[in-house]
N, C-alpha and C. Protein backbone atom coordinates (compact mmCIF):
# COMPACT_ATOMS: atom_id res chain seq x y z
N UNK A 1 8.35 8.34 -11.34
CA UNK A 1 8.03 9.18 -10.21
C UNK A 1 9.26 9.99 -9.83
N UNK A 2 9.03 11.18 -9.30
CA UNK A 2 10.13 12.07 -8.95
C UNK A 2 10.01 12.49 -7.49
N UNK A 3 11.18 12.76 -6.90
CA UNK A 3 11.24 13.31 -5.55
C UNK A 3 10.70 14.73 -5.60
N UNK A 4 9.90 15.10 -4.63
CA UNK A 4 9.29 16.44 -4.64
C UNK A 4 10.23 17.52 -4.13
N UNK A 5 11.38 17.15 -3.58
CA UNK A 5 12.33 18.14 -3.10
C UNK A 5 13.41 18.40 -4.15
N UNK A 6 14.10 17.35 -4.59
CA UNK A 6 15.22 17.52 -5.52
C UNK A 6 14.83 17.29 -6.98
N UNK A 7 13.64 16.82 -7.24
CA UNK A 7 13.11 16.58 -8.59
C UNK A 7 13.87 15.51 -9.38
N UNK A 8 14.66 14.67 -8.71
CA UNK A 8 15.34 13.57 -9.38
C UNK A 8 14.40 12.38 -9.51
N UNK A 9 14.59 11.60 -10.56
CA UNK A 9 13.76 10.42 -10.78
C UNK A 9 14.14 9.35 -9.76
N UNK A 10 13.13 8.70 -9.19
CA UNK A 10 13.35 7.66 -8.20
C UNK A 10 13.40 6.30 -8.87
N UNK A 11 14.22 5.42 -8.33
CA UNK A 11 14.25 4.04 -8.79
C UNK A 11 12.99 3.34 -8.31
N UNK A 12 12.62 2.27 -9.01
CA UNK A 12 11.43 1.52 -8.64
C UNK A 12 11.79 0.05 -8.47
N UNK A 13 11.03 -0.64 -7.63
CA UNK A 13 11.21 -2.07 -7.46
C UNK A 13 10.56 -2.77 -8.64
N UNK A 14 10.67 -4.08 -8.68
CA UNK A 14 10.09 -4.83 -9.79
C UNK A 14 8.56 -4.78 -9.79
N UNK A 15 7.96 -4.36 -8.71
CA UNK A 15 6.51 -4.21 -8.63
C UNK A 15 6.08 -2.76 -8.86
N UNK A 16 7.00 -1.95 -9.40
CA UNK A 16 6.76 -0.53 -9.72
C UNK A 16 6.43 0.31 -8.50
N UNK A 17 7.01 -0.04 -7.36
CA UNK A 17 6.88 0.78 -6.16
C UNK A 17 8.13 1.63 -6.04
N UNK A 18 8.00 2.91 -5.70
CA UNK A 18 9.17 3.78 -5.62
C UNK A 18 10.05 3.44 -4.42
N UNK A 19 11.36 3.60 -4.61
CA UNK A 19 12.30 3.42 -3.50
C UNK A 19 12.45 4.78 -2.84
N UNK A 20 11.76 4.98 -1.76
CA UNK A 20 11.71 6.24 -1.03
C UNK A 20 10.60 6.13 -0.01
N UNK A 21 10.13 7.26 0.46
CA UNK A 21 9.06 7.22 1.44
C UNK A 21 8.10 8.38 1.20
N UNK A 22 6.92 8.23 1.73
CA UNK A 22 5.91 9.28 1.67
C UNK A 22 5.85 9.99 3.01
N UNK A 23 5.73 11.31 2.96
CA UNK A 23 5.61 12.14 4.16
C UNK A 23 4.29 12.89 4.05
N UNK A 24 3.47 12.82 5.08
CA UNK A 24 2.19 13.53 5.07
C UNK A 24 2.34 14.90 5.70
N UNK A 25 1.71 15.90 5.08
CA UNK A 25 1.70 17.23 5.67
C UNK A 25 0.48 17.37 6.57
N UNK A 26 0.26 18.58 7.10
CA UNK A 26 -0.84 18.77 8.06
C UNK A 26 -2.21 18.63 7.42
N UNK A 27 -2.31 18.77 6.11
CA UNK A 27 -3.58 18.60 5.41
C UNK A 27 -3.85 17.16 5.03
N UNK A 28 -2.85 16.28 5.19
CA UNK A 28 -3.00 14.87 4.87
C UNK A 28 -2.52 14.51 3.48
N UNK A 29 -1.95 15.47 2.75
CA UNK A 29 -1.44 15.18 1.41
C UNK A 29 -0.10 14.47 1.53
N UNK A 30 0.10 13.43 0.70
CA UNK A 30 1.33 12.66 0.73
C UNK A 30 2.34 13.22 -0.26
N UNK A 31 3.58 13.34 0.18
CA UNK A 31 4.67 13.84 -0.64
C UNK A 31 5.74 12.76 -0.71
N UNK A 32 6.21 12.46 -1.92
CA UNK A 32 7.23 11.44 -2.12
C UNK A 32 8.62 12.05 -1.98
N UNK A 33 9.47 11.43 -1.14
CA UNK A 33 10.80 11.95 -0.85
C UNK A 33 11.81 10.81 -1.04
N UNK A 34 12.92 11.12 -1.73
CA UNK A 34 13.95 10.10 -1.98
C UNK A 34 14.80 9.89 -0.73
N UNK A 35 15.60 8.83 -0.75
CA UNK A 35 16.41 8.51 0.41
C UNK A 35 17.54 9.50 0.62
N UNK A 36 18.06 10.11 -0.45
CA UNK A 36 19.13 11.11 -0.29
C UNK A 36 18.61 12.35 0.43
N UNK A 37 17.43 12.80 0.09
CA UNK A 37 16.85 13.96 0.77
C UNK A 37 16.50 13.63 2.22
N UNK A 38 16.12 12.37 2.47
CA UNK A 38 15.83 11.96 3.84
C UNK A 38 17.09 12.02 4.69
N UNK A 39 18.24 11.66 4.11
CA UNK A 39 19.50 11.69 4.86
C UNK A 39 19.91 13.12 5.17
N UNK A 40 19.75 14.02 4.18
CA UNK A 40 20.13 15.42 4.38
C UNK A 40 19.21 16.13 5.36
N UNK A 41 17.91 15.92 5.19
CA UNK A 41 16.90 16.56 6.05
C UNK A 41 16.35 15.49 6.97
N UNK A 42 16.94 15.33 8.14
CA UNK A 42 16.67 14.17 8.97
C UNK A 42 15.46 14.29 9.90
N UNK A 43 14.63 15.31 9.74
CA UNK A 43 13.41 15.37 10.54
C UNK A 43 12.23 15.74 9.64
N UNK A 44 11.05 15.37 10.08
CA UNK A 44 9.85 15.62 9.28
C UNK A 44 9.61 17.11 9.09
N UNK A 45 9.91 17.91 10.09
CA UNK A 45 9.71 19.35 9.99
C UNK A 45 10.61 19.97 8.92
N UNK A 46 11.87 19.54 8.86
CA UNK A 46 12.80 20.06 7.86
C UNK A 46 12.37 19.65 6.45
N UNK A 47 11.87 18.42 6.31
CA UNK A 47 11.40 17.95 5.01
C UNK A 47 10.20 18.77 4.55
N UNK A 48 9.26 19.02 5.44
CA UNK A 48 8.06 19.78 5.06
C UNK A 48 8.40 21.23 4.74
N UNK A 49 9.40 21.80 5.41
CA UNK A 49 9.82 23.17 5.07
C UNK A 49 10.46 23.23 3.70
N UNK A 50 11.18 22.17 3.30
CA UNK A 50 11.84 22.14 2.00
C UNK A 50 10.86 21.98 0.85
N UNK A 51 9.67 21.49 1.14
CA UNK A 51 8.66 21.34 0.11
C UNK A 51 8.10 22.70 -0.23
């Protein structure tokens, strides 16, 4: 799986879950974002603009 902002591959846990978070847009679509992008873009609005 890849981050939708920086396109880097995300690490996964032993249960194949990505280490990151999902952010929903106004249409309800989920976008996967890595922890580095979360630190740089610290609000949901900034993350959605970067997508």
